[in-house]
């Protein structure tokens, strides 16, 4: 008897968590960009970047649950969307971190 297959319900639940966590990170990053030119202090920037990053870590942890079961998981458009959202949000985080470092000598 082979390994048990992850159910569609389980996969969809993980995908929804990934979307939620990535969405929270993207929202924080968007707010950060909106307020970069305001009187925000560097500590606020660091706190927002760290909070967004922690949401991305949680999304990755969910993705890893599926990757660990890759041989038993069927295709899911919702999971594919969740992975795409995660990767796009990571790109946004990367660009913001690089931009802040380049324009404010903030590391």
PDB file of N, CA and C in Angstrom:
ATOM      1  N   UNK A   1       0.844  -1.181   0.000  1.00  0.00           N
ATOM      2  CA  UNK A   1       0.000   0.000   0.000  1.00  0.00           C
ATOM      3  C   UNK A   1       0.887   1.240   0.000  1.00  0.00           C
ATOM      4  N   UNK A   2       0.642   2.177  -0.925  1.00  0.00           N
ATOM      5  CA  UNK A   2       1.435   3.396  -1.058  1.00  0.00           C
ATOM      6  C   UNK A   2       1.035   4.454  -0.049  1.00  0.00           C
ATOM      7  N   UNK A   3       1.717   5.584  -0.114  1.00  0.00           N
ATOM      8  CA  UNK A   3       1.414   6.675   0.820  1.00  0.00           C
ATOM      9  C   UNK A   3       0.006   7.223   0.584  1.00  0.00           C
ATOM     10  N   UNK A   4      -0.594   7.725   1.656  1.00  0.00           N
ATOM     11  CA  UNK A   4      -1.923   8.316   1.544  1.00  0.00           C
ATOM     12  C   UNK A   4      -1.846   9.618   0.773  1.00  0.00           C
ATOM     13  N   UNK A   5      -2.818   9.847  -0.075  1.00  0.00           N
ATOM     14  CA  UNK A   5      -2.850  11.055  -0.878  1.00  0.00           C
ATOM     15  C   UNK A   5      -3.428  12.203  -0.053  1.00  0.00           C
ATOM     16  N   UNK A   6      -2.779  13.372  -0.165  1.00  0.00           N
ATOM     17  CA  UNK A   6      -3.326  14.574   0.462  1.00  0.00           C
ATOM     18  C   UNK A   6      -4.668  14.858  -0.190  1.00  0.00           C
ATOM     19  N   UNK A   7      -5.670  15.108   0.614  1.00  0.00           N
ATOM     20  CA  UNK A   7      -7.003  15.353   0.055  1.00  0.00           C
ATOM     21  C   UNK A   7      -7.075  16.735  -0.571  1.00  0.00           C
ATOM     22  N   UNK A   8      -8.027  16.907  -1.470  1.00  0.00           N
ATOM     23  CA  UNK A   8      -8.247  18.217  -2.081  1.00  0.00           C
ATOM     24  C   UNK A   8      -8.590  19.249  -1.017  1.00  0.00           C
ATOM     25  N   UNK A   9      -9.353  18.822  -0.024  1.00  0.00           N
ATOM     26  CA  UNK A   9      -9.729  19.739   1.060  1.00  0.00           C
ATOM     27  C   UNK A   9      -8.492  20.202   1.839  1.00  0.00           C
ATOM     28  N   UNK A  10      -7.584  19.294   2.115  1.00  0.00           N
ATOM     29  CA  UNK A  10      -6.350  19.663   2.815  1.00  0.00           C
ATOM     30  C   UNK A  10      -5.510  20.610   1.966  1.00  0.00           C
ATOM     31  N   UNK A  11      -5.372  20.290   0.698  1.00  0.00           N
ATOM     32  CA  UNK A  11      -4.586  21.119  -0.220  1.00  0.00           C
ATOM     33  C   UNK A  11      -5.192  22.510  -0.344  1.00  0.00           C
ATOM     34  N   UNK A  12      -6.506  22.570  -0.486  1.00  0.00           N
ATOM     35  CA  UNK A  12      -7.170  23.872  -0.584  1.00  0.00           C
ATOM     36  C   UNK A  12      -7.018  24.673   0.708  1.00  0.00           C
ATOM     37  N   UNK A  13      -7.064  24.006   1.851  1.00  0.00           N
ATOM     38  CA  UNK A  13      -6.867  24.689   3.125  1.00  0.00           C
ATOM     39  C   UNK A  13      -5.480  25.301   3.225  1.00  0.00           C
ATOM     40  N   UNK A  14      -4.480  24.548   2.795  1.00  0.00           N
ATOM     41  CA  UNK A  14      -3.107  25.057   2.796  1.00  0.00           C
ATOM     42  C   UNK A  14      -2.983  26.227   1.824  1.00  0.00           C
ATOM     43  N   UNK A  15      -3.571  26.084   0.646  1.00  0.00           N
ATOM     44  CA  UNK A  15      -3.511  27.162  -0.351  1.00  0.00           C
ATOM     45  C   UNK A  15      -4.151  28.437   0.193  1.00  0.00           C
ATOM     46  N   UNK A  16      -5.264  28.305   0.884  1.00  0.00           N
ATOM     47  CA  UNK A  16      -5.925  29.485   1.446  1.00  0.00           C
ATOM     48  C   UNK A  16      -5.068  30.140   2.529  1.00  0.00           C
ATOM     49  N   UNK A  17      -4.386  29.329   3.342  1.00  0.00           N
ATOM     50  CA  UNK A  17      -3.478  29.898   4.332  1.00  0.00           C
ATOM     51  C   UNK A  17      -2.336  30.645   3.641  1.00  0.00           C
ATOM     52  N   UNK A  18      -1.787  30.042   2.590  1.00  0.00           N
ATOM     53  CA  UNK A  18      -0.707  30.702   1.849  1.00  0.00           C
ATOM     54  C   UNK A  18      -1.176  32.035   1.287  1.00  0.00           C
ATOM     55  N   UNK A  19      -2.375  32.045   0.716  1.00  0.00           N
ATOM     56  CA  UNK A  19      -2.917  33.288   0.161  1.00  0.00           C
ATOM     57  C   UNK A  19      -3.139  34.329   1.254  1.00  0.00           C
ATOM     58  N   UNK A  20      -3.648  33.892   2.390  1.00  0.00           N
ATOM     59  CA  UNK A  20      -3.883  34.812   3.513  1.00  0.00           C
ATOM     60  C   UNK A  20      -2.575  35.396   4.008  1.00  0.00           C
ATOM     61  N   UNK A  21      -1.583  34.541   4.251  1.00  0.00           N
ATOM     62  CA  UNK A  21      -0.307  35.011   4.793  1.00  0.00           C
ATOM     63  C   UNK A  21       0.422  35.897   3.789  1.00  0.00           C
ATOM     64  N   UNK A  22       0.441  35.488   2.518  1.00  0.00           N
ATOM     65  CA  UNK A  22       1.084  36.309   1.492  1.00  0.00           C
ATOM     66  C   UNK A  22       0.351  37.633   1.326  1.00  0.00           C
ATOM     67  N   UNK A  23      -0.966  37.591   1.408  1.00  0.00           N
ATOM     68  CA  UNK A  23      -1.768  38.808   1.293  1.00  0.00           C
ATOM     69  C   UNK A  23      -1.496  39.779   2.426  1.00  0.00           C
ATOM     70  N   UNK A  24      -1.333  39.255   3.631  1.00  0.00           N
ATOM     71  CA  UNK A  24      -1.011  40.119   4.767  1.00  0.00           C
ATOM     72  C   UNK A  24       0.346  40.771   4.558  1.00  0.00           C
ATOM     73  N   UNK A  25       1.325  39.993   4.096  1.00  0.00           N
ATOM     74  CA  UNK A  25       2.658  40.543   3.825  1.00  0.00           C
ATOM     75  C   UNK A  25       2.580  41.611   2.744  1.00  0.00           C
ATOM     76  N   UNK A  26       1.844  41.341   1.678  1.00  0.00           N
ATOM     77  CA  UNK A  26       1.731  42.298   0.574  1.00  0.00           C
ATOM     78  C   UNK A  26       1.063  43.586   1.041  1.00  0.00           C
ATOM     79  N   UNK A  27       0.069  43.479   1.880  1.00  0.00           N
ATOM     80  CA  UNK A  27      -0.611  44.661   2.416  1.00  0.00           C
ATOM     81  C   UNK A  27       0.344  45.513   3.248  1.00  0.00           C
ATOM     82  N   UNK A  28       1.137  44.868   4.097  1.00  0.00           N
ATOM     83  CA  UNK A  28       2.115  45.587   4.915  1.00  0.00           C
ATOM     84  C   UNK A  28       3.133  46.279   4.022  1.00  0.00           C
ATOM     85  N   UNK A  29       3.627  45.570   3.016  1.00  0.00           N
ATOM     86  CA  UNK A  29       4.611  46.146   2.107  1.00  0.00           C
ATOM     87  C   UNK A  29       4.021  47.307   1.313  1.00  0.00           C
ATOM     88  N   UNK A  30       2.782  47.180   0.908  1.00  0.00           N
ATOM     89  CA  UNK A  30       2.111  48.265   0.186  1.00  0.00           C
ATOM     90  C   UNK A  30       1.970  49.498   1.072  1.00  0.00           C
ATOM     91  N   UNK A  31       1.551  49.296   2.314  1.00  0.00           N
ATOM     92  CA  UNK A  31       1.454  50.415   3.255  1.00  0.00           C
ATOM     93  C   UNK A  31       2.813  51.064   3.476  1.00  0.00           C
ATOM     94  N   UNK A  32       3.838  50.243   3.576  1.00  0.00           N
ATOM     95  CA  UNK A  32       5.190  50.764   3.757  1.00  0.00           C
ATOM     96  C   UNK A  32       5.574  51.664   2.590  1.00  0.00           C
ATOM     97  N   UNK A  33       5.309  51.220   1.383  1.00  0.00           N
ATOM     98  CA  UNK A  33       5.625  52.035   0.201  1.00  0.00           C
ATOM     99  C   UNK A  33       4.839  53.340   0.203  1.00  0.00           C
ATOM    100  N   UNK A  34       3.585  53.277   0.633  1.00  0.00           N
ATOM    101  CA  UNK A  34       2.756  54.483   0.681  1.00  0.00           C
ATOM    102  C   UNK A  34       3.297  55.515   1.661  1.00  0.00           C
ATOM    103  N   UNK A  35       3.962  55.047   2.711  1.00  0.00           N
ATOM    104  CA  UNK A  35       4.396  55.952   3.767  1.00  0.00           C
ATOM    105  C   UNK A  35       5.903  56.201   3.798  1.00  0.00           C
ATOM    106  N   UNK A  36       6.631  55.711   2.819  1.00  0.00           N
ATOM    107  CA  UNK A  36       8.079  55.891   2.833  1.00  0.00           C
ATOM    108  C   UNK A  36       8.491  57.365   2.816  1.00  0.00           C
ATOM    109  N   UNK A  37       7.723  58.180   2.139  1.00  0.00           N
ATOM    110  CA  UNK A  37       8.075  59.595   2.054  1.00  0.00           C
ATOM    111  C   UNK A  37       7.521  60.420   3.203  1.00  0.00           C
ATOM    112  N   UNK A  38       6.813  59.776   4.104  1.00  0.00           N
ATOM    113  CA  UNK A  38       6.282  60.501   5.248  1.00  0.00           C
ATOM    114  C   UNK A  38       7.350  60.580   6.328  1.00  0.00           C
ATOM    115  N   UNK A  39       6.953  60.926   7.505  1.00  0.00           N
ATOM    116  CA  UNK A  39       7.913  61.100   8.598  1.00  0.00           C
ATOM    117  C   UNK A  39       8.198  59.802   9.342  1.00  0.00           C
ATOM    118  N   UNK A  40       8.023  58.658   8.692  1.00  0.00           N
ATOM    119  CA  UNK A  40       8.280  57.373   9.341  1.00  0.00           C
ATOM    120  C   UNK A  40       9.732  57.298   9.789  1.00  0.00           C
ATOM    121  N   UNK A  41       9.938  56.718  10.931  1.00  0.00           N
ATOM    122  CA  UNK A  41      11.285  56.500  11.429  1.00  0.00           C
ATOM    123  C   UNK A  41      11.810  55.182  10.886  1.00  0.00           C
ATOM    124  N   UNK A  42      13.139  55.051  10.858  1.00  0.00           N
ATOM    125  CA  UNK A  42      13.751  53.818  10.367  1.00  0.00           C
ATOM    126  C   UNK A  42      13.267  52.598  11.125  1.00  0.00           C
ATOM    127  N   UNK A  43      13.037  52.741  12.428  1.00  0.00           N
ATOM    128  CA  UNK A  43      12.586  51.588  13.210  1.00  0.00           C
ATOM    129  C   UNK A  43      11.213  51.124  12.736  1.00  0.00           C
ATOM    130  N   UNK A  44      10.368  52.062  12.288  1.00  0.00           N
ATOM    131  CA  UNK A  44       9.067  51.676  11.739  1.00  0.00           C
ATOM    132  C   UNK A  44       9.242  50.873  10.458  1.00  0.00           C
ATOM    133  N   UNK A  45      10.179  51.285   9.630  1.00  0.00           N
ATOM    134  CA  UNK A  45      10.455  50.574   8.382  1.00  0.00           C
ATOM    135  C   UNK A  45      10.931  49.162   8.701  1.00  0.00           C
ATOM    136  N   UNK A  46      11.885  49.059   9.615  1.00  0.00           N
ATOM    137  CA  UNK A  46      12.392  47.741   9.989  1.00  0.00           C
ATOM    138  C   UNK A  46      11.281  46.858  10.547  1.00  0.00           C
ATOM    139  N   UNK A  47      10.451  47.421  11.389  1.00  0.00           N
ATOM    140  CA  UNK A  47       9.362  46.648  11.991  1.00  0.00           C
ATOM    141  C   UNK A  47       8.395  46.152  10.923  1.00  0.00           C
ATOM    142  N   UNK A  48       8.067  47.015   9.976  1.00  0.00           N
ATOM    143  CA  UNK A  48       7.147  46.611   8.908  1.00  0.00           C
ATOM    144  C   UNK A  48       7.772  45.550   8.016  1.00  0.00           C
ATOM    145  N   UNK A  49       9.041  45.734   7.671  1.00  0.00           N
ATOM    146  CA  UNK A  49       9.717  44.733   6.845  1.00  0.00           C
ATOM    147  C   UNK A  49       9.791  43.394   7.570  1.00  0.00           C
ATOM    148  N   UNK A  50      10.092  43.429   8.846  1.00  0.00           N
ATOM    149  CA  UNK A  50      10.172  42.190   9.618  1.00  0.00           C
ATOM    150  C   UNK A  50       8.813  41.520   9.739  1.00  0.00           C
ATOM    151  N   UNK A  51       7.767  42.308   9.957  1.00  0.00           N
ATOM    152  CA  UNK A  51       6.422  41.731  10.063  1.00  0.00           C
ATOM    153  C   UNK A  51       6.009  41.084   8.743  1.00  0.00           C
ATOM    154  N   UNK A  52       6.239  41.794   7.638  1.00  0.00           N
ATOM    155  CA  UNK A  52       5.908  41.235   6.326  1.00  0.00           C
ATOM    156  C   UNK A  52       6.685  39.946   6.080  1.00  0.00           C
ATOM    157  N   UNK A  53       7.965  39.970   6.444  1.00  0.00           N
ATOM    158  CA  UNK A  53       8.794  38.781   6.238  1.00  0.00           C
ATOM    159  C   UNK A  53       8.272  37.591   7.041  1.00  0.00           C
ATOM    160  N   UNK A  54       7.825  37.830   8.252  1.00  0.00           N
ATOM    161  CA  UNK A  54       7.299  36.746   9.078  1.00  0.00           C
ATOM    162  C   UNK A  54       6.046  36.132   8.461  1.00  0.00           C
ATOM    163  N   UNK A  55       5.204  36.958   7.842  1.00  0.00           N
ATOM    164  CA  UNK A  55       4.038  36.401   7.138  1.00  0.00           C
ATOM    165  C   UNK A  55       4.487  35.533   5.964  1.00  0.00           C
ATOM    166  N   UNK A  56       5.537  35.975   5.264  1.00  0.00           N
ATOM    167  CA  UNK A  56       6.048  35.185   4.147  1.00  0.00           C
ATOM    168  C   UNK A  56       6.644  33.863   4.636  1.00  0.00           C
ATOM    169  N   UNK A  57       7.303  33.888   5.767  1.00  0.00           N
ATOM    170  CA  UNK A  57       7.837  32.653   6.356  1.00  0.00           C
ATOM    171  C   UNK A  57       6.691  31.674   6.634  1.00  0.00           C
ATOM    172  N   UNK A  58       5.601  32.177   7.186  1.00  0.00           N
ATOM    173  CA  UNK A  58       4.454  31.307   7.471  1.00  0.00           C
ATOM    174  C   UNK A  58       3.858  30.731   6.189  1.00  0.00           C
ATOM    175  N   UNK A  59       3.799  31.551   5.143  1.00  0.00           N
ATOM    176  CA  UNK A  59       3.297  31.060   3.856  1.00  0.00           C
ATOM    177  C   UNK A  59       4.212  29.965   3.324  1.00  0.00           C
ATOM    178  N   UNK A  60       5.525  30.165   3.452  1.00  0.00           N
ATOM    179  CA  UNK A  60       6.479  29.148   3.007  1.00  0.00           C
ATOM    180  C   UNK A  60       6.333  27.855   3.795  1.00  0.00           C
ATOM    181  N   UNK A  61       6.083  27.963   5.078  1.00  0.00           N
ATOM    182  CA  UNK A  61       5.898  26.769   5.892  1.00  0.00           C
ATOM    183  C   UNK A  61       4.713  25.956   5.387  1.00  0.00           C
ATOM    184  N   UNK A  62       3.658  26.643   4.993  1.00  0.00           N
ATOM    185  CA  UNK A  62       2.493  25.944   4.438  1.00  0.00           C
ATOM    186  C   UNK A  62       2.844  25.300   3.104  1.00  0.00           C
ATOM    187  N   UNK A  63       3.551  26.028   2.259  1.00  0.00           N
ATOM    188  CA  UNK A  63       3.961  25.479   0.970  1.00  0.00           C
ATOM    189  C   UNK A  63       4.811  24.223   1.168  1.00  0.00           C
ATOM    190  N   UNK A  64       5.700  24.271   2.161  1.00  0.00           N
ATOM    191  CA  UNK A  64       6.571  23.124   2.414  1.00  0.00           C
ATOM    192  C   UNK A  64       5.797  21.875   2.812  1.00  0.00           C
ATOM    193  N   UNK A  65       4.629  22.049   3.446  1.00  0.00           N
ATOM    194  CA  UNK A  65       3.785  20.905   3.774  1.00  0.00           C
ATOM    195  C   UNK A  65       3.352  20.170   2.503  1.00  0.00           C
ATOM    196  N   UNK A  66       3.070  20.938   1.477  1.00  0.00           N
ATOM    197  CA  UNK A  66       2.648  20.338   0.209  1.00  0.00           C
ATOM    198  C   UNK A  66       3.848  19.746  -0.524  1.00  0.00           C
ATOM    199  N   UNK A  67       4.948  20.465  -0.521  1.00  0.00           N
ATOM    200  CA  UNK A  67       6.143  19.967  -1.206  1.00  0.00           C
ATOM    201  C   UNK A  67       6.598  18.644  -0.606  1.00  0.00           C
ATOM    202  N   UNK A  68       6.474  18.508   0.705  1.00  0.00           N
ATOM    203  CA  UNK A  68       6.862  17.258   1.377  1.00  0.00           C
ATOM    204  C   UNK A  68       6.005  16.077   0.913  1.00  0.00           C
ATOM    205  N   UNK A  69       4.814  16.370   0.433  1.00  0.00           N
ATOM    206  CA  UNK A  69       3.892  15.330  -0.033  1.00  0.00           C
ATOM    207  C   UNK A  69       3.731  15.365  -1.552  1.00  0.00           C
ATOM    208  N   UNK A  70       4.700  15.924  -2.247  1.00  0.00           N
ATOM    209  CA  UNK A  70       4.586  16.178  -3.687  1.00  0.00           C
ATOM    210  C   UNK A  70       4.170  14.961  -4.502  1.00  0.00           C
ATOM    211  N   UNK A  71       4.647  13.794  -4.108  1.00  0.00           N
ATOM    212  CA  UNK A  71       4.329  12.584  -4.873  1.00  0.00           C
ATOM    213  C   UNK A  71       2.874  12.155  -4.741  1.00  0.00           C
ATOM    214  N   UNK A  72       2.189  12.703  -3.732  1.00  0.00           N
ATOM    215  CA  UNK A  72       0.811  12.274  -3.495  1.00  0.00           C
ATOM    216  C   UNK A  72      -0.200  13.392  -3.734  1.00  0.00           C
ATOM    217  N   UNK A  73       0.264  14.526  -4.229  1.00  0.00           N
ATOM    218  CA  UNK A  73      -0.614  15.686  -4.404  1.00  0.00           C
ATOM    219  C   UNK A  73      -0.976  15.840  -5.871  1.00  0.00           C
ATOM    220  N   UNK A  74      -2.265  16.003  -6.115  1.00  0.00           N
ATOM    221  CA  UNK A  74      -2.723  16.265  -7.472  1.00  0.00           C
ATOM    222  C   UNK A  74      -2.603  17.746  -7.802  1.00  0.00           C
ATOM    223  N   UNK A  75      -2.837  18.080  -9.053  1.00  0.00           N
ATOM    224  CA  UNK A  75      -2.767  19.471  -9.483  1.00  0.00           C
ATOM    225  C   UNK A  75      -3.907  20.267  -8.869  1.00  0.00           C
ATOM    226  N   UNK A  76      -3.597  21.488  -8.462  1.00  0.00           N
ATOM    227  CA  UNK A  76      -4.602  22.390  -7.905  1.00  0.00           C
ATOM    228  C   UNK A  76      -4.362  23.792  -8.436  1.00  0.00           C
ATOM    229  N   UNK A  77      -5.340  24.329  -9.130  1.00  0.00           N
ATOM    230  CA  UNK A  77      -5.241  25.692  -9.620  1.00  0.00           C
ATOM    231  C   UNK A  77      -5.137  26.675  -8.455  1.00  0.00           C
ATOM    232  N   UNK A  78      -5.860  26.408  -7.365  1.00  0.00           N
ATOM    233  CA  UNK A  78      -5.814  27.286  -6.199  1.00  0.00           C
ATOM    234  C   UNK A  78      -4.417  27.280  -5.577  1.00  0.00           C
ATOM    235  N   UNK A  79      -3.785  26.107  -5.460  1.00  0.00           N
ATOM    236  CA  UNK A  79      -2.435  26.035  -4.907  1.00  0.00           C
ATOM    237  C   UNK A  79      -1.440  26.733  -5.831  1.00  0.00           C
ATOM    238  N   UNK A  80      -1.611  26.572  -7.129  1.00  0.00           N
ATOM    239  CA  UNK A  80      -0.740  27.258  -8.088  1.00  0.00           C
ATOM    240  C   UNK A  80      -0.872  28.772  -7.922  1.00  0.00           C
ATOM    241  N   UNK A  81      -2.086  29.246  -7.762  1.00  0.00           N
ATOM    242  CA  UNK A  81      -2.329  30.674  -7.519  1.00  0.00           C
ATOM    243  C   UNK A  81      -1.661  31.117  -6.220  1.00  0.00           C
ATOM    244  N   UNK A  82      -1.748  30.291  -5.183  1.00  0.00           N
ATOM    245  CA  UNK A  82      -1.132  30.622  -3.895  1.00  0.00           C
ATOM    246  C   UNK A  82       0.382  30.706  -4.024  1.00  0.00           C
ATOM    247  N   UNK A  83       0.977  29.781  -4.761  1.00  0.00           N
ATOM    248  CA  UNK A  83       2.426  29.832  -4.972  1.00  0.00           C
ATOM    249  C   UNK A  83       2.817  31.079  -5.758  1.00  0.00           C
ATOM    250  N   UNK A  84       2.046  31.406  -6.761  1.00  0.00           N
ATOM    251  CA  UNK A  84       2.310  32.601  -7.567  1.00  0.00           C
ATOM    252  C   UNK A  84       2.222  33.856  -6.697  1.00  0.00           C
ATOM    253  N   UNK A  85       1.220  33.919  -5.852  1.00  0.00           N
ATOM    254  CA  UNK A  85       1.052  35.072  -4.962  1.00  0.00           C
ATOM    255  C   UNK A  85       2.230  35.174  -3.998  1.00  0.00           C
ATOM    256  N   UNK A  86       2.642  34.056  -3.449  1.00  0.00           N
ATOM    257  CA  UNK A  86       3.789  34.033  -2.542  1.00  0.00           C
ATOM    258  C   UNK A  86       5.047  34.532  -3.250  1.00  0.00           C
ATOM    259  N   UNK A  87       5.322  34.004  -4.420  1.00  0.00           N
ATOM    260  CA  UNK A  87       6.535  34.397  -5.137  1.00  0.00           C
ATOM    261  C   UNK A  87       6.508  35.869  -5.541  1.00  0.00           C
ATOM    262  N   UNK A  88       5.345  36.355  -5.968  1.00  0.00           N
ATOM    263  CA  UNK A  88       5.245  37.770  -6.336  1.00  0.00           C
ATOM    264  C   UNK A  88       5.449  38.669  -5.128  1.00  0.00           C
ATOM    265  N   UNK A  89       4.904  38.274  -3.995  1.00  0.00           N
ATOM    266  CA  UNK A  89       5.073  39.078  -2.782  1.00  0.00           C
ATOM    267  C   UNK A  89       6.526  39.052  -2.328  1.00  0.00           C
ATOM    268  N   UNK A  90       7.189  37.921  -2.481  1.00  0.00           N
ATOM    269  CA  UNK A  90       8.617  37.864  -2.161  1.00  0.00           C
ATOM    270  C   UNK A  90       9.414  38.803  -3.061  1.00  0.00           C
ATOM    271  N   UNK A  91       9.033  38.890  -4.312  1.00  0.00           N
ATOM    272  CA  UNK A  91       9.707  39.804  -5.228  1.00  0.00           C
ATOM    273  C   UNK A  91       9.496  41.252  -4.792  1.00  0.00           C
ATOM    274  N   UNK A  92       8.280  41.569  -4.382  1.00  0.00           N
ATOM    275  CA  UNK A  92       7.998  42.922  -3.892  1.00  0.00           C
ATOM    276  C   UNK A  92       8.871  43.218  -2.675  1.00  0.00           C
ATOM    277  N   UNK A  93       8.947  42.267  -1.751  1.00  0.00           N
ATOM    278  CA  UNK A  93       9.783  42.460  -0.554  1.00  0.00           C
ATOM    279  C   UNK A  93      11.235  42.695  -0.959  1.00  0.00           C
ATOM    280  N   UNK A  94      11.741  41.899  -1.877  1.00  0.00           N
ATOM    281  CA  UNK A  94      13.116  42.020  -2.342  1.00  0.00           C
ATOM    282  C   UNK A  94      13.381  43.407  -2.920  1.00  0.00           C
ATOM    283  N   UNK A  95      12.494  43.867  -3.793  1.00  0.00           N
ATOM    284  CA  UNK A  95      12.668  45.167  -4.441  1.00  0.00           C
ATOM    285  C   UNK A  95      12.606  46.297  -3.413  1.00  0.00           C
ATOM    286  N   UNK A  96      11.675  46.204  -2.482  1.00  0.00           N
ATOM    287  CA  UNK A  96      11.577  47.241  -1.452  1.00  0.00           C
ATOM    288  C   UNK A  96      12.842  47.272  -0.605  1.00  0.00           C
ATOM    289  N   UNK A  97      13.309  46.119  -0.171  1.00  0.00           N
ATOM    290  CA  UNK A  97      14.540  46.080   0.644  1.00  0.00           C
ATOM    291  C   UNK A  97      15.722  46.668  -0.118  1.00  0.00           C
ATOM    292  N   UNK A  98      15.877  46.308  -1.369  1.00  0.00           N
ATOM    293  CA  UNK A  98      16.980  46.825  -2.178  1.00  0.00           C
ATOM    294  C   UNK A  98      16.825  48.331  -2.413  1.00  0.00           C
ATOM    295  N   UNK A  99      15.609  48.781  -2.650  1.00  0.00           N
ATOM    296  CA  UNK A  99      15.361  50.206  -2.900  1.00  0.00           C
ATOM    297  C   UNK A  99      15.648  51.034  -1.656  1.00  0.00           C
ATOM    298  N   UNK A 100      15.186  50.569  -0.524  1.00  0.00           N
ATOM    299  CA  UNK A 100      15.428  51.282   0.723  1.00  0.00           C
ATOM    300  C   UNK A 100      16.935  51.379   0.983  1.00  0.00           C
ATOM    301  N   UNK A 101      17.628  50.264   0.790  1.00  0.00           N
ATOM    302  CA  UNK A 101      19.064  50.255   1.013  1.00  0.00           C
ATOM    303  C   UNK A 101      19.770  51.209   0.047  1.00  0.00           C
ATOM    304  N   UNK A 102      19.342  51.226  -1.203  1.00  0.00           N
ATOM    305  CA  UNK A 102      20.001  52.063  -2.198  1.00  0.00           C
ATOM    306  C   UNK A 102      19.741  53.557  -2.003  1.00  0.00           C
ATOM    307  N   UNK A 103      18.526  53.897  -1.615  1.00  0.00           N
ATOM    308  CA  UNK A 103      18.156  55.312  -1.543  1.00  0.00           C
ATOM    309  C   UNK A 103      18.293  55.929  -0.171  1.00  0.00           C
ATOM    310  N   UNK A 104      18.425  55.129   0.852  1.00  0.00           N
ATOM    311  CA  UNK A 104      18.512  55.700   2.194  1.00  0.00           C
ATOM    312  C   UNK A 104      19.713  55.192   2.975  1.00  0.00           C
ATOM    313  N   UNK A 105      20.555  54.399   2.323  1.00  0.00           N
ATOM    314  CA  UNK A 105      21.670  53.765   3.005  1.00  0.00           C
ATOM    315  C   UNK A 105      21.208  53.006   4.233  1.00  0.00           C
ATOM    316  N   UNK A 106      20.016  52.458   4.131  1.00  0.00           N
ATOM    317  CA  UNK A 106      19.379  51.692   5.217  1.00  0.00           C
ATOM    318  C   UNK A 106      19.609  50.221   4.910  1.00  0.00           C
ATOM    319  N   UNK A 107      20.135  49.464   5.851  1.00  0.00           N
ATOM    320  CA  UNK A 107      20.375  48.050   5.567  1.00  0.00           C
ATOM    321  C   UNK A 107      19.607  47.136   6.456  1.00  0.00           C
TER     322      UNK A 107
END
